[in-house]
Amino acid sequence: MNALWDELIHELGTVRALSAAALEARSDTSRVALITLLDAETAEISAILDRILREAAASSAA
Protein backbone atom coordinates (compact mmCIF):
# COMPACT_ATOMS: atom_id res chain seq x y z
CA MET A 1 0.00 0.00 0.00
CA ASN A 2 2.89 2.39 0.65
CA ALA A 3 3.93 2.11 -2.97
CA LEU A 4 0.48 3.32 -4.03
CA TRP A 5 0.72 6.32 -1.72
CA ASP A 6 4.18 7.11 -3.11
CA GLU A 7 2.78 6.87 -6.64
CA LEU A 8 -0.13 9.14 -5.69
CA ILE A 9 2.20 11.75 -4.22
CA HIS A 10 4.31 11.65 -7.37
CA GLU A 11 1.24 12.12 -9.59
CA LEU A 12 0.01 15.03 -7.48
CA GLY A 13 3.39 16.70 -7.85
CA THR A 14 3.18 16.20 -11.60
CA VAL A 15 -0.26 17.82 -11.66
CA ARG A 16 1.05 20.82 -9.73
CA ALA A 17 3.96 21.22 -12.15
CA LEU A 18 1.74 20.87 -15.22
CA SER A 19 -0.76 23.36 -13.77
CA ALA A 20 1.98 25.91 -13.18
CA ALA A 21 3.32 25.37 -16.68
CA ALA A 22 -0.16 25.76 -18.19
CA LEU A 23 -0.60 29.07 -16.39
CA GLU A 24 2.70 30.31 -17.78
CA ALA A 25 2.22 28.93 -21.31
CA ARG A 26 2.80 31.55 -23.98
CA SER A 27 0.62 30.01 -26.65
CA ASP A 28 -2.77 28.42 -26.82
CA THR A 29 -1.23 25.34 -28.45
CA SER A 30 1.10 24.83 -25.48
CA ARG A 31 -1.70 25.47 -23.02
CA VAL A 32 -3.96 22.91 -24.70
CA ALA A 33 -1.16 20.34 -24.74
CA LEU A 34 -0.51 20.86 -21.04
CA ILE A 35 -4.21 20.67 -20.19
CA THR A 36 -4.42 17.41 -22.14
CA LEU A 37 -1.55 16.06 -20.04
CA LEU A 38 -3.34 17.27 -16.90
CA ASP A 39 -6.41 15.34 -17.93
CA ALA A 40 -4.36 12.16 -18.32
CA GLU A 41 -2.66 12.69 -14.96
CA THR A 42 -5.95 13.24 -13.15
CA ALA A 43 -7.27 10.02 -14.68
CA GLU A 44 -4.17 8.27 -13.34
CA ILE A 45 -4.79 9.77 -9.89
CA SER A 46 -8.35 8.51 -9.99
CA ALA A 47 -7.14 5.01 -10.86
CA ILE A 48 -4.62 5.07 -8.01
CA LEU A 49 -7.29 6.19 -5.55
CA ASP A 50 -9.55 3.37 -6.72
CA ARG A 51 -6.74 0.88 -6.11
CA ILE A 52 -6.09 2.33 -2.63
CA LEU A 53 -9.78 2.04 -1.76
CA ARG A 54 -9.97 -1.54 -3.06
CA GLU A 55 -6.90 -2.56 -1.06
CA ALA A 56 -8.25 -0.87 2.08
CA ALA A 57 -11.60 -2.63 1.67
CA ALA A 58 -9.91 -5.97 1.10
CA SER A 59 -7.68 -5.59 4.17
CA SER A 60 -10.59 -4.52 6.40
CA ALA A 61 -12.67 -7.48 5.18
CA ALA A 62 -9.89 -9.92 6.06
PDB file of N, CA and C in Angstrom:
ATOM      1  N   MET A   1       0.819  -1.196   0.000  1.00  0.00           N
ATOM      2  CA  MET A   1       0.000   0.000   0.000  1.00  0.00           C
ATOM      3  C   MET A   1       0.867   1.265   0.000  1.00  0.00           C
ATOM      4  N   ASN A   2       2.021   1.214   0.642  1.00  0.00           N
ATOM      5  CA  ASN A   2       2.892   2.392   0.655  1.00  0.00           C
ATOM      6  C   ASN A   2       3.330   2.795  -0.742  1.00  0.00           C
ATOM      7  N   ALA A   3       3.530   1.804  -1.597  1.00  0.00           N
ATOM      8  CA  ALA A   3       3.931   2.111  -2.973  1.00  0.00           C
ATOM      9  C   ALA A   3       2.842   2.902  -3.693  1.00  0.00           C
ATOM     10  N   LEU A   4       1.587   2.578  -3.415  1.00  0.00           N
ATOM     11  CA  LEU A   4       0.483   3.317  -4.033  1.00  0.00           C
ATOM     12  C   LEU A   4       0.460   4.765  -3.544  1.00  0.00           C
ATOM     13  N   TRP A   5       0.686   4.956  -2.257  1.00  0.00           N
ATOM     14  CA  TRP A   5       0.719   6.324  -1.724  1.00  0.00           C
ATOM     15  C   TRP A   5       1.881   7.105  -2.334  1.00  0.00           C
ATOM     16  N   ASP A   6       3.027   6.450  -2.475  1.00  0.00           N
ATOM     17  CA  ASP A   6       4.177   7.106  -3.114  1.00  0.00           C
ATOM     18  C   ASP A   6       3.844   7.503  -4.551  1.00  0.00           C
ATOM     19  N   GLU A   7       3.178   6.596  -5.258  1.00  0.00           N
ATOM     20  CA  GLU A   7       2.777   6.870  -6.637  1.00  0.00           C
ATOM     21  C   GLU A   7       1.786   8.033  -6.693  1.00  0.00           C
ATOM     22  N   LEU A   8       0.852   8.057  -5.744  1.00  0.00           N
ATOM     23  CA  LEU A   8      -0.130   9.139  -5.686  1.00  0.00           C
ATOM     24  C   LEU A   8       0.546  10.484  -5.432  1.00  0.00           C
ATOM     25  N   ILE A   9       1.473  10.516  -4.515  1.00  0.00           N
ATOM     26  CA  ILE A   9       2.197  11.755  -4.217  1.00  0.00           C
ATOM     27  C   ILE A   9       2.966  12.230  -5.442  1.00  0.00           C
ATOM     28  N   HIS A  10       3.584  11.298  -6.146  1.00  0.00           N
ATOM     29  CA  HIS A  10       4.311  11.652  -7.374  1.00  0.00           C
ATOM     30  C   HIS A  10       3.356  12.257  -8.414  1.00  0.00           C
ATOM     31  N   GLU A  11       2.211  11.622  -8.608  1.00  0.00           N
ATOM     32  CA  GLU A  11       1.244  12.117  -9.590  1.00  0.00           C
ATOM     33  C   GLU A  11       0.716  13.495  -9.210  1.00  0.00           C
ATOM     34  N   LEU A  12       0.476  13.716  -7.921  1.00  0.00           N
ATOM     35  CA  LEU A  12       0.007  15.028  -7.476  1.00  0.00           C
ATOM     36  C   LEU A  12       1.059  16.109  -7.736  1.00  0.00           C
ATOM     37  N   GLY A  13       2.317  15.767  -7.536  1.00  0.00           N
ATOM     38  CA  GLY A  13       3.395  16.704  -7.854  1.00  0.00           C
ATOM     39  C   GLY A  13       3.447  17.015  -9.335  1.00  0.00           C
ATOM     40  N   THR A  14       3.210  16.004 -10.148  1.00  0.00           N
ATOM     41  CA  THR A  14       3.182  16.198 -11.597  1.00  0.00           C
ATOM     42  C   THR A  14       2.046  17.131 -11.993  1.00  0.00           C
ATOM     43  N   VAL A  15       0.885  16.948 -11.372  1.00  0.00           N
ATOM     44  CA  VAL A  15      -0.260  17.819 -11.663  1.00  0.00           C
ATOM     45  C   VAL A  15       0.053  19.262 -11.280  1.00  0.00           C
ATOM     46  N   ARG A  16       0.683  19.448 -10.148  1.00  0.00           N
ATOM     47  CA  ARG A  16       1.050  20.818  -9.732  1.00  0.00           C
ATOM     48  C   ARG A  16       1.999  21.460 -10.734  1.00  0.00           C
ATOM     49  N   ALA A  17       2.988  20.691 -11.184  1.00  0.00           N
ATOM     50  CA  ALA A  17       3.956  21.223 -12.148  1.00  0.00           C
ATOM     51  C   ALA A  17       3.290  21.535 -13.485  1.00  0.00           C
ATOM     52  N   LEU A  18       2.435  20.634 -13.951  1.00  0.00           N
ATOM     53  CA  LEU A  18       1.736  20.875 -15.219  1.00  0.00           C
ATOM     54  C   LEU A  18       0.796  22.072 -15.115  1.00  0.00           C
ATOM     55  N   SER A  19       0.138  22.214 -13.968  1.00  0.00           N
ATOM     56  CA  SER A  19      -0.756  23.359 -13.770  1.00  0.00           C
ATOM     57  C   SER A  19       0.016  24.670 -13.828  1.00  0.00           C
ATOM     58  N   ALA A  20       1.144  24.705 -13.162  1.00  0.00           N
ATOM     59  CA  ALA A  20       1.975  25.913 -13.179  1.00  0.00           C
ATOM     60  C   ALA A  20       2.452  26.212 -14.595  1.00  0.00           C
ATOM     61  N   ALA A  21       2.859  25.175 -15.304  1.00  0.00           N
ATOM     62  CA  ALA A  21       3.321  25.373 -16.681  1.00  0.00           C
ATOM     63  C   ALA A  21       2.189  25.861 -17.577  1.00  0.00           C
ATOM     64  N   ALA A  22       0.989  25.329 -17.378  1.00  0.00           N
ATOM     65  CA  ALA A  22      -0.155  25.760 -18.195  1.00  0.00           C
ATOM     66  C   ALA A  22      -0.475  27.226 -17.944  1.00  0.00           C
ATOM     67  N   LEU A  23      -0.352  27.658 -16.704  1.00  0.00           N
ATOM     68  CA  LEU A  23      -0.605  29.068 -16.386  1.00  0.00           C
ATOM     69  C   LEU A  23       0.411  29.994 -17.040  1.00  0.00           C
ATOM     70  N   GLU A  24       1.629  29.493 -17.205  1.00  0.00           N
ATOM     71  CA  GLU A  24       2.703  30.305 -17.784  1.00  0.00           C
ATOM     72  C   GLU A  24       2.854  30.125 -19.295  1.00  0.00           C
ATOM     73  N   ALA A  25       2.079  29.228 -19.876  1.00  0.00           N
ATOM     74  CA  ALA A  25       2.218  28.931 -21.307  1.00  0.00           C
ATOM     75  C   ALA A  25       2.012  30.193 -22.143  1.00  0.00           C
ATOM     76  N   ARG A  26       2.842  30.350 -23.140  1.00  0.00           N
ATOM     77  CA  ARG A  26       2.803  31.552 -23.978  1.00  0.00           C
ATOM     78  C   ARG A  26       1.864  31.415 -25.171  1.00  0.00           C
ATOM     79  N   SER A  27       1.501  30.187 -25.499  1.00  0.00           N
ATOM     80  CA  SER A  27       0.623  30.014 -26.651  1.00  0.00           C
ATOM     81  C   SER A  27      -0.545  29.108 -26.292  1.00  0.00           C
ATOM     82  N   ASP A  28      -1.606  29.270 -27.042  1.00  0.00           N
ATOM     83  CA  ASP A  28      -2.772  28.417 -26.820  1.00  0.00           C
ATOM     84  C   ASP A  28      -2.447  26.959 -27.115  1.00  0.00           C
ATOM     85  N   THR A  29      -1.606  26.715 -28.100  1.00  0.00           N
ATOM     86  CA  THR A  29      -1.227  25.344 -28.446  1.00  0.00           C
ATOM     87  C   THR A  29      -0.528  24.674 -27.265  1.00  0.00           C
ATOM     88  N   SER A  30       0.402  25.378 -26.652  1.00  0.00           N
ATOM     89  CA  SER A  30       1.101  24.830 -25.482  1.00  0.00           C
ATOM     90  C   SER A  30       0.138  24.614 -24.327  1.00  0.00           C
ATOM     91  N   ARG A  31      -0.730  25.565 -24.110  1.00  0.00           N
ATOM     92  CA  ARG A  31      -1.697  25.472 -23.022  1.00  0.00           C
ATOM     93  C   ARG A  31      -2.606  24.253 -23.204  1.00  0.00           C
ATOM     94  N   VAL A  32      -3.087  24.062 -24.417  1.00  0.00           N
ATOM     95  CA  VAL A  32      -3.963  22.914 -24.697  1.00  0.00           C
ATOM     96  C   VAL A  32      -3.206  21.604 -24.488  1.00  0.00           C
ATOM     97  N   ALA A  33      -1.966  21.553 -24.923  1.00  0.00           N
ATOM     98  CA  ALA A  33      -1.164  20.341 -24.737  1.00  0.00           C
ATOM     99  C   ALA A  33      -0.978  20.040 -23.252  1.00  0.00           C
ATOM    100  N   LEU A  34      -0.702  21.059 -22.471  1.00  0.00           N
ATOM    101  CA  LEU A  34      -0.514  20.861 -21.035  1.00  0.00           C
ATOM    102  C   LEU A  34      -1.819  20.458 -20.350  1.00  0.00           C
ATOM    103  N   ILE A  35      -2.910  21.037 -20.764  1.00  0.00           N
ATOM    104  CA  ILE A  35      -4.209  20.670 -20.195  1.00  0.00           C
ATOM    105  C   ILE A  35      -4.567  19.231 -20.552  1.00  0.00           C
ATOM    106  N   THR A  36      -4.201  18.805 -21.744  1.00  0.00           N
ATOM    107  CA  THR A  36      -4.418  17.413 -22.137  1.00  0.00           C
ATOM    108  C   THR A  36      -3.610  16.475 -21.243  1.00  0.00           C
ATOM    109  N   LEU A  37      -2.369  16.860 -20.956  1.00  0.00           N
ATOM    110  CA  LEU A  37      -1.549  16.065 -20.039  1.00  0.00           C
ATOM    111  C   LEU A  37      -2.155  16.053 -18.635  1.00  0.00           C
ATOM    112  N   LEU A  38      -2.674  17.201 -18.210  1.00  0.00           N
ATOM    113  CA  LEU A  38      -3.336  17.271 -16.902  1.00  0.00           C
ATOM    114  C   LEU A  38      -4.513  16.310 -16.823  1.00  0.00           C
ATOM    115  N   ASP A  39      -5.269  16.245 -17.887  1.00  0.00           N
ATOM    116  CA  ASP A  39      -6.408  15.337 -17.932  1.00  0.00           C
ATOM    117  C   ASP A  39      -5.950  13.893 -17.758  1.00  0.00           C
ATOM    118  N   ALA A  40      -4.884  13.526 -18.432  1.00  0.00           N
ATOM    119  CA  ALA A  40      -4.355  12.162 -18.318  1.00  0.00           C
ATOM    120  C   ALA A  40      -3.845  11.890 -16.899  1.00  0.00           C
ATOM    121  N   GLU A  41      -3.180  12.865 -16.311  1.00  0.00           N
ATOM    122  CA  GLU A  41      -2.661  12.692 -14.962  1.00  0.00           C
ATOM    123  C   GLU A  41      -3.786  12.567 -13.936  1.00  0.00           C
ATOM    124  N   THR A  42      -4.843  13.343 -14.101  1.00  0.00           N
ATOM    125  CA  THR A  42      -5.954  13.236 -13.154  1.00  0.00           C
ATOM    126  C   THR A  42      -6.661  11.889 -13.297  1.00  0.00           C
ATOM    127  N   ALA A  43      -6.708  11.363 -14.493  1.00  0.00           N
ATOM    128  CA  ALA A  43      -7.267  10.018 -14.682  1.00  0.00           C
ATOM    129  C   ALA A  43      -6.396   8.988 -13.967  1.00  0.00           C
ATOM    130  N   GLU A  44      -5.098   9.174 -14.025  1.00  0.00           N
ATOM    131  CA  GLU A  44      -4.172   8.272 -13.342  1.00  0.00           C
ATOM    132  C   GLU A  44      -4.367   8.372 -11.825  1.00  0.00           C
ATOM    133  N   ILE A  45      -4.539   9.578 -11.317  1.00  0.00           N
ATOM    134  CA  ILE A  45      -4.788   9.770  -9.889  1.00  0.00           C
ATOM    135  C   ILE A  45      -6.073   9.057  -9.474  1.00  0.00           C
ATOM    136  N   SER A  46      -7.089   9.180 -10.275  1.00  0.00           N
ATOM    137  CA  SER A  46      -8.352   8.507  -9.990  1.00  0.00           C
ATOM    138  C   SER A  46      -8.163   6.996  -9.926  1.00  0.00           C
ATOM    139  N   ALA A  47      -7.406   6.458 -10.844  1.00  0.00           N
ATOM    140  CA  ALA A  47      -7.142   5.014 -10.859  1.00  0.00           C
ATOM    141  C   ALA A  47      -6.363   4.592  -9.616  1.00  0.00           C
ATOM    142  N   ILE A  48      -5.398   5.383  -9.214  1.00  0.00           N
ATOM    143  CA  ILE A  48      -4.617   5.071  -8.014  1.00  0.00           C
ATOM    144  C   ILE A  48      -5.526   5.096  -6.780  1.00  0.00           C
ATOM    145  N   LEU A  49      -6.369   6.106  -6.684  1.00  0.00           N
ATOM    146  CA  LEU A  49      -7.290   6.190  -5.550  1.00  0.00           C
ATOM    147  C   LEU A  49      -8.229   4.995  -5.512  1.00  0.00           C
ATOM    148  N   ASP A  50      -8.703   4.568  -6.663  1.00  0.00           N
ATOM    149  CA  ASP A  50      -9.549   3.373  -6.723  1.00  0.00           C
ATOM    150  C   ASP A  50      -8.808   2.149  -6.189  1.00  0.00           C
ATOM    151  N   ARG A  51      -7.535   2.013  -6.580  1.00  0.00           N
ATOM    152  CA  ARG A  51      -6.736   0.880  -6.112  1.00  0.00           C
ATOM    153  C   ARG A  51      -6.519   0.948  -4.602  1.00  0.00           C
ATOM    154  N   ILE A  52      -6.270   2.164  -4.086  1.00  0.00           N
ATOM    155  CA  ILE A  52      -6.085   2.330  -2.634  1.00  0.00           C
ATOM    156  C   ILE A  52      -7.371   1.931  -1.908  1.00  0.00           C
ATOM    157  N   LEU A  53      -8.508   2.380  -2.402  1.00  0.00           N
ATOM    158  CA  LEU A  53      -9.778   2.044  -1.757  1.00  0.00           C
ATOM    159  C   LEU A  53     -10.059   0.541  -1.811  1.00  0.00           C
ATOM    160  N   ARG A  54      -9.768  -0.088  -2.945  1.00  0.00           N
ATOM    161  CA  ARG A  54      -9.974  -1.539  -3.058  1.00  0.00           C
ATOM    162  C   ARG A  54      -9.082  -2.304  -2.079  1.00  0.00           C
ATOM    163  N   GLU A  55      -7.824  -1.876  -1.991  1.00  0.00           N
ATOM    164  CA  GLU A  55      -6.900  -2.559  -1.063  1.00  0.00           C
ATOM    165  C   GLU A  55      -7.335  -2.346   0.382  1.00  0.00           C
ATOM    166  N   ALA A  56      -7.785  -1.144   0.709  1.00  0.00           N
ATOM    167  CA  ALA A  56      -8.253  -0.872   2.077  1.00  0.00           C
ATOM    168  C   ALA A  56      -9.477  -1.713   2.398  1.00  0.00           C
ATOM    169  N   ALA A  57     -10.397  -1.823   1.447  1.00  0.00           N
ATOM    170  CA  ALA A  57     -11.597  -2.627   1.668  1.00  0.00           C
ATOM    171  C   ALA A  57     -11.240  -4.098   1.827  1.00  0.00           C
ATOM    172  N   ALA A  58     -10.309  -4.565   1.023  1.00  0.00           N
ATOM    173  CA  ALA A  58      -9.910  -5.966   1.100  1.00  0.00           C
ATOM    174  C   ALA A  58      -9.220  -6.268   2.432  1.00  0.00           C
ATOM    175  N   SER A  59      -8.381  -5.344   2.909  1.00  0.00           N
ATOM    176  CA  SER A  59      -7.682  -5.593   4.168  1.00  0.00           C
ATOM    177  C   SER A  59      -8.619  -5.479   5.365  1.00  0.00           C
ATOM    178  N   SER A  60      -9.645  -4.630   5.277  1.00  0.00           N
ATOM    179  CA  SER A  60     -10.586  -4.523   6.396  1.00  0.00           C
ATOM    180  C   SER A  60     -11.567  -5.703   6.408  1.00  0.00           C
ATOM    181  N   ALA A  61     -11.780  -6.321   5.259  1.00  0.00           N
ATOM    182  CA  ALA A  61     -12.667  -7.480   5.179  1.00  0.00           C
ATOM    183  C   ALA A  61     -11.978  -8.746   5.679  1.00  0.00           C
ATOM    184  N   ALA A  62     -10.651  -8.716   5.654  1.00  0.00           N
ATOM    185  CA  ALA A  62      -9.890  -9.920   6.059  1.00  0.00           C
ATOM    186  C   ALA A  62      -9.806 -10.088   7.560  1.00  0.00           C
TER     187      ALA A  62
END
